[in-house]
Amino acid sequence: MFLSAMIIRTIFTYVIILVVFRLMGKREIGELSVMDLVVFIMLAEIAVSLIEKPEASIMQALVPMLILLLIQWGSAFFSIKSQRFRTWFDGKPSMLIKHGKIDEREMRKQRYNFSDLLLQLREQGIQQIDKVAYAILEPSGKLSVFEREKDGSSAYAVILIADGKVQYSGLKQTRKNKAWLMNEVKKRGFTSFEDISLCSINDEGEIWIDKKDEYT
């Protein structure tokens, strides 16, 4: 009786967690935010408790799982609506290398050591720092690396507008201002930032713009 109850609970728990994960949306393991990790750990603890305690009601596990799902949905909603909330919740990328120069202050701020930096560079086939145009530490902990081309340029592009919102960190990085950005988008037929899904600028000063809801 005990064994059959454990088997049924294990299958039930597996199905419920699988459904919860699918409802949370698709995301790679390496791209999980701190919030995602907290939710996954709590779900694992609830699952273990449900399986190991046959006397406990299934609702005692189901209700916390549903609450966690609602929290996840709520945080995702506010992350879409508010850049400030998204930055506070998920963190923001940190530039560790720019034009072959290491930003030691930013590394200390992120508690990121040289061994980690060199390891992640080697994993991407890079041995020399001066070959790196930009290296950005993502909120997930992954290091995104853009190598220098022979002419000194790179494929790295700075985001200036995302989901209709001006990215002031991008303007600061490129030493531009909002008035300049508005002038550039007007040249391309846009009257408002809200009409733009994404806007970026590369090392060559080339601007790329994607119109919002272009396929709806």
Protein backbone atom coordinates (compact mmCIF):
# COMPACT_ATOMS: atom_id res chain seq x y z
CA MET A 1 0.00 0.00 0.00
CA PHE A 2 2.81 2.37 0.99
CA LEU A 3 4.77 1.55 -2.17
CA SER A 4 1.80 2.07 -4.48
CA ALA A 5 0.98 5.40 -2.79
CA MET A 6 4.57 6.56 -3.27
CA ILE A 7 4.52 5.57 -6.96
CA ILE A 8 1.25 7.44 -7.54
CA ARG A 9 2.51 10.54 -5.70
CA THR A 10 5.79 10.49 -7.61
CA ILE A 11 4.00 10.36 -10.97
CA PHE A 12 1.52 13.05 -9.86
CA THR A 13 4.34 15.30 -8.63
CA TYR A 14 6.27 14.83 -11.87
CA VAL A 15 3.25 15.79 -13.98
CA ILE A 16 2.41 18.83 -11.82
CA ILE A 17 5.99 20.19 -11.84
CA LEU A 18 6.25 19.58 -15.59
CA VAL A 19 3.05 21.58 -16.13
CA VAL A 20 4.27 24.38 -13.84
CA PHE A 21 7.59 24.60 -15.71
CA ARG A 22 5.82 24.76 -19.07
CA LEU A 23 3.52 27.51 -17.79
CA MET A 24 6.53 29.50 -16.61
CA GLY A 25 7.75 29.78 -20.18
CA LYS A 26 10.72 28.52 -22.15
CA ARG A 27 14.17 29.42 -20.93
CA GLU A 28 17.56 27.74 -21.08
CA ILE A 29 19.17 26.59 -17.84
CA GLY A 30 22.07 28.99 -18.36
CA GLU A 31 19.66 31.90 -18.65
CA LEU A 32 17.85 31.36 -15.36
CA SER A 33 17.48 34.41 -13.16
CA VAL A 34 17.89 34.40 -9.39
CA MET A 35 14.10 34.37 -9.10
CA ASP A 36 13.89 31.30 -11.35
CA LEU A 37 16.45 29.44 -9.25
CA VAL A 38 14.63 30.26 -6.00
CA VAL A 39 11.34 29.02 -7.45
CA PHE A 40 12.92 25.82 -8.77
CA ILE A 41 14.59 25.05 -5.44
CA MET A 42 11.33 25.60 -3.56
CA LEU A 43 9.44 23.41 -6.03
CA ALA A 44 12.02 20.66 -5.51
CA GLU A 45 11.60 20.87 -1.72
CA ILE A 46 7.81 20.71 -2.03
CA ALA A 47 8.09 17.72 -4.37
CA VAL A 48 10.35 15.81 -1.98
CA SER A 49 8.00 16.53 0.92
CA LEU A 50 4.99 15.34 -1.08
CA ILE A 51 6.68 12.07 -2.05
CA GLU A 52 8.24 11.27 1.33
CA LYS A 53 5.11 12.02 3.40
CA PRO A 54 2.25 9.84 2.14
CA GLU A 55 0.09 10.93 5.06
CA ALA A 56 0.19 14.56 3.95
CA SER A 57 -2.60 15.92 1.78
CA ILE A 58 -1.78 16.52 -1.87
CA MET A 59 -3.40 19.95 -1.56
CA GLN A 60 -0.69 20.92 0.95
CA ALA A 61 1.80 20.69 -1.91
CA LEU A 62 -0.45 21.81 -4.73
CA VAL A 63 -1.37 25.16 -3.15
CA PRO A 64 2.27 26.31 -2.59
CA MET A 65 3.11 25.27 -6.16
CA LEU A 66 0.26 27.37 -7.52
CA ILE A 67 1.37 30.31 -5.36
CA LEU A 68 4.91 30.03 -6.74
CA LEU A 69 3.51 29.94 -10.27
CA LEU A 70 1.50 33.11 -9.60
CA ILE A 71 4.60 34.81 -8.15
CA GLN A 72 6.56 33.84 -11.27
CA TRP A 73 3.84 35.17 -13.56
CA GLY A 74 3.63 38.38 -11.55
CA SER A 75 7.37 38.98 -11.65
CA ALA A 76 7.44 38.28 -15.40
CA PHE A 77 4.58 40.75 -15.96
CA PHE A 78 6.24 43.54 -13.98
CA SER A 79 9.60 42.80 -15.65
CA ILE A 80 7.99 43.45 -19.03
CA LYS A 81 6.24 46.61 -17.84
CA SER A 82 9.06 48.13 -15.79
CA GLN A 83 12.73 48.29 -16.72
CA ARG A 84 13.60 49.40 -13.19
CA PHE A 85 11.87 46.34 -11.72
CA ARG A 86 13.60 44.07 -14.26
CA THR A 87 17.01 45.51 -13.43
CA TRP A 88 16.43 45.22 -9.70
CA PHE A 89 15.08 41.67 -9.98
CA ASP A 90 17.36 40.12 -12.58
CA GLY A 91 20.35 42.44 -12.42
CA LYS A 92 22.03 44.02 -15.43
CA PRO A 93 24.98 43.11 -17.65
CA SER A 94 28.43 44.26 -16.60
CA MET A 95 31.17 45.11 -19.08
CA LEU A 96 34.42 43.54 -17.92
CA ILE A 97 36.55 44.14 -21.02
CA LYS A 98 36.33 47.04 -23.45
CA HIS A 99 38.69 47.38 -26.42
CA GLY A 100 41.14 44.91 -24.90
CA LYS A 101 41.25 46.65 -21.50
CA ILE A 102 40.04 44.93 -18.32
CA ASP A 103 37.81 46.90 -15.94
CA GLU A 104 39.18 45.67 -12.60
CA ARG A 105 36.81 47.89 -10.62
CA GLU A 106 33.77 46.27 -12.25
CA MET A 107 35.25 42.83 -11.65
CA ARG A 108 35.66 43.57 -7.95
CA LYS A 109 32.13 44.94 -7.83
CA GLN A 110 30.79 41.70 -9.32
CA ARG A 111 33.12 39.56 -7.16
CA TYR A 112 34.49 38.06 -10.36
CA ASN A 113 38.10 36.89 -10.35
CA PHE A 114 40.70 36.59 -13.09
CA SER A 115 40.62 32.79 -13.01
CA ASP A 116 36.91 32.83 -13.90
CA LEU A 117 37.50 35.41 -16.61
CA LEU A 118 40.38 33.54 -18.25
CA LEU A 119 38.53 30.22 -17.98
CA GLN A 120 35.46 31.54 -19.79
CA LEU A 121 37.64 33.18 -22.43
CA ARG A 122 39.53 29.92 -23.03
CA GLU A 123 36.23 28.07 -23.35
CA GLN A 124 35.47 30.36 -26.28
CA GLY A 125 38.88 29.80 -27.84
CA ILE A 126 40.40 33.15 -26.80
CA GLN A 127 43.87 33.30 -25.25
CA GLN A 128 44.78 36.98 -25.51
CA ILE A 129 42.83 39.79 -23.86
CA ASP A 130 43.83 42.27 -26.55
CA LYS A 131 41.87 40.18 -29.07
CA VAL A 132 38.66 40.99 -27.19
CA ALA A 133 36.61 44.01 -28.24
CA TYR A 134 33.98 43.56 -25.53
CA ALA A 135 33.32 41.00 -22.80
CA ILE A 136 30.04 41.33 -20.93
CA LEU A 137 29.09 39.40 -17.81
CA GLU A 138 25.39 38.61 -18.19
CA PRO A 139 22.96 38.46 -15.23
CA SER A 140 22.92 34.65 -15.67
CA GLY A 141 26.69 34.53 -15.04
CA LYS A 142 27.54 33.74 -18.65
CA LEU A 143 30.33 35.73 -20.29
CA SER A 144 29.44 37.10 -23.74
CA VAL A 145 32.57 37.82 -25.77
CA PHE A 146 32.95 39.84 -28.99
CA GLU A 147 36.30 39.52 -30.72
CA ARG A 148 38.05 42.30 -32.57
CA GLU A 149 38.06 42.16 -36.34
CA LYS A 150 41.20 42.99 -38.30
CA ASP A 151 39.96 46.54 -38.83
CA GLY A 152 39.37 46.95 -35.08
CA SER A 153 35.57 46.69 -35.25
CA SER A 154 33.36 44.02 -33.69
CA ALA A 155 29.86 42.55 -33.95
CA TYR A 156 28.88 44.12 -30.63
CA ALA A 157 25.90 46.49 -30.72
CA VAL A 158 24.62 48.76 -27.96
CA ILE A 159 20.88 48.73 -27.30
CA LEU A 160 19.37 52.22 -27.40
CA ILE A 161 15.66 51.35 -27.34
CA ALA A 162 13.98 48.19 -26.04
CA ASP A 163 10.23 47.63 -26.16
CA GLY A 164 9.59 51.30 -26.80
CA LYS A 165 11.69 52.45 -23.84
CA VAL A 166 14.90 54.48 -24.14
CA GLN A 167 17.91 52.65 -22.70
CA TYR A 168 19.80 55.45 -20.99
CA SER A 169 22.69 53.14 -20.09
CA GLY A 170 23.19 52.58 -23.84
CA LEU A 171 23.09 56.30 -24.56
CA LYS A 172 25.65 56.89 -21.84
CA GLN A 173 27.90 54.17 -23.21
CA THR A 174 27.78 55.66 -26.71
CA ARG A 175 28.01 59.23 -25.38
CA LYS A 176 24.73 60.20 -27.03
CA ASN A 177 21.61 61.85 -25.65
CA LYS A 178 17.86 61.49 -26.02
CA ALA A 179 17.57 64.43 -28.42
CA TRP A 180 20.12 62.85 -30.77
CA LEU A 181 18.24 59.53 -30.60
CA MET A 182 14.89 61.17 -31.38
CA ASN A 183 16.43 62.92 -34.36
CA GLU A 184 17.83 59.61 -35.68
CA VAL A 185 14.54 57.72 -35.38
CA LYS A 186 12.66 60.57 -37.06
CA LYS A 187 15.06 60.30 -40.01
CA ARG A 188 13.86 56.73 -40.37
CA GLY A 189 10.18 57.57 -40.35
CA PHE A 190 9.32 57.09 -36.68
CA THR A 191 7.52 59.73 -34.63
CA SER A 192 7.70 58.04 -31.23
CA PHE A 193 10.00 55.69 -29.34
CA GLU A 194 6.95 53.60 -28.48
CA ASP A 195 6.68 52.53 -32.13
CA ILE A 196 10.07 50.81 -31.91
CA SER A 197 10.58 47.29 -30.63
CA LEU A 198 14.38 47.38 -30.66
CA CYS A 199 17.03 49.86 -31.72
CA SER A 200 20.78 49.30 -31.60
CA ILE A 201 23.98 50.91 -32.82
CA ASN A 202 27.23 49.14 -33.70
CA ASP A 203 30.88 50.19 -33.55
CA GLU A 204 30.62 51.70 -37.01
CA GLY A 205 27.76 53.97 -35.93
CA GLU A 206 25.21 52.02 -37.98
CA ILE A 207 21.72 52.09 -36.48
CA TRP A 208 19.33 49.16 -36.76
CA ILE A 209 15.64 49.50 -35.91
CA ASP A 210 12.89 46.91 -35.59
CA LYS A 211 9.32 48.24 -35.75
CA LYS A 212 7.01 47.16 -32.94
CA ASP A 213 4.20 44.72 -33.82
CA GLU A 214 5.36 44.59 -37.42
CA TYR A 215 3.80 41.16 -38.00
CA THR A 216 0.48 41.67 -36.25
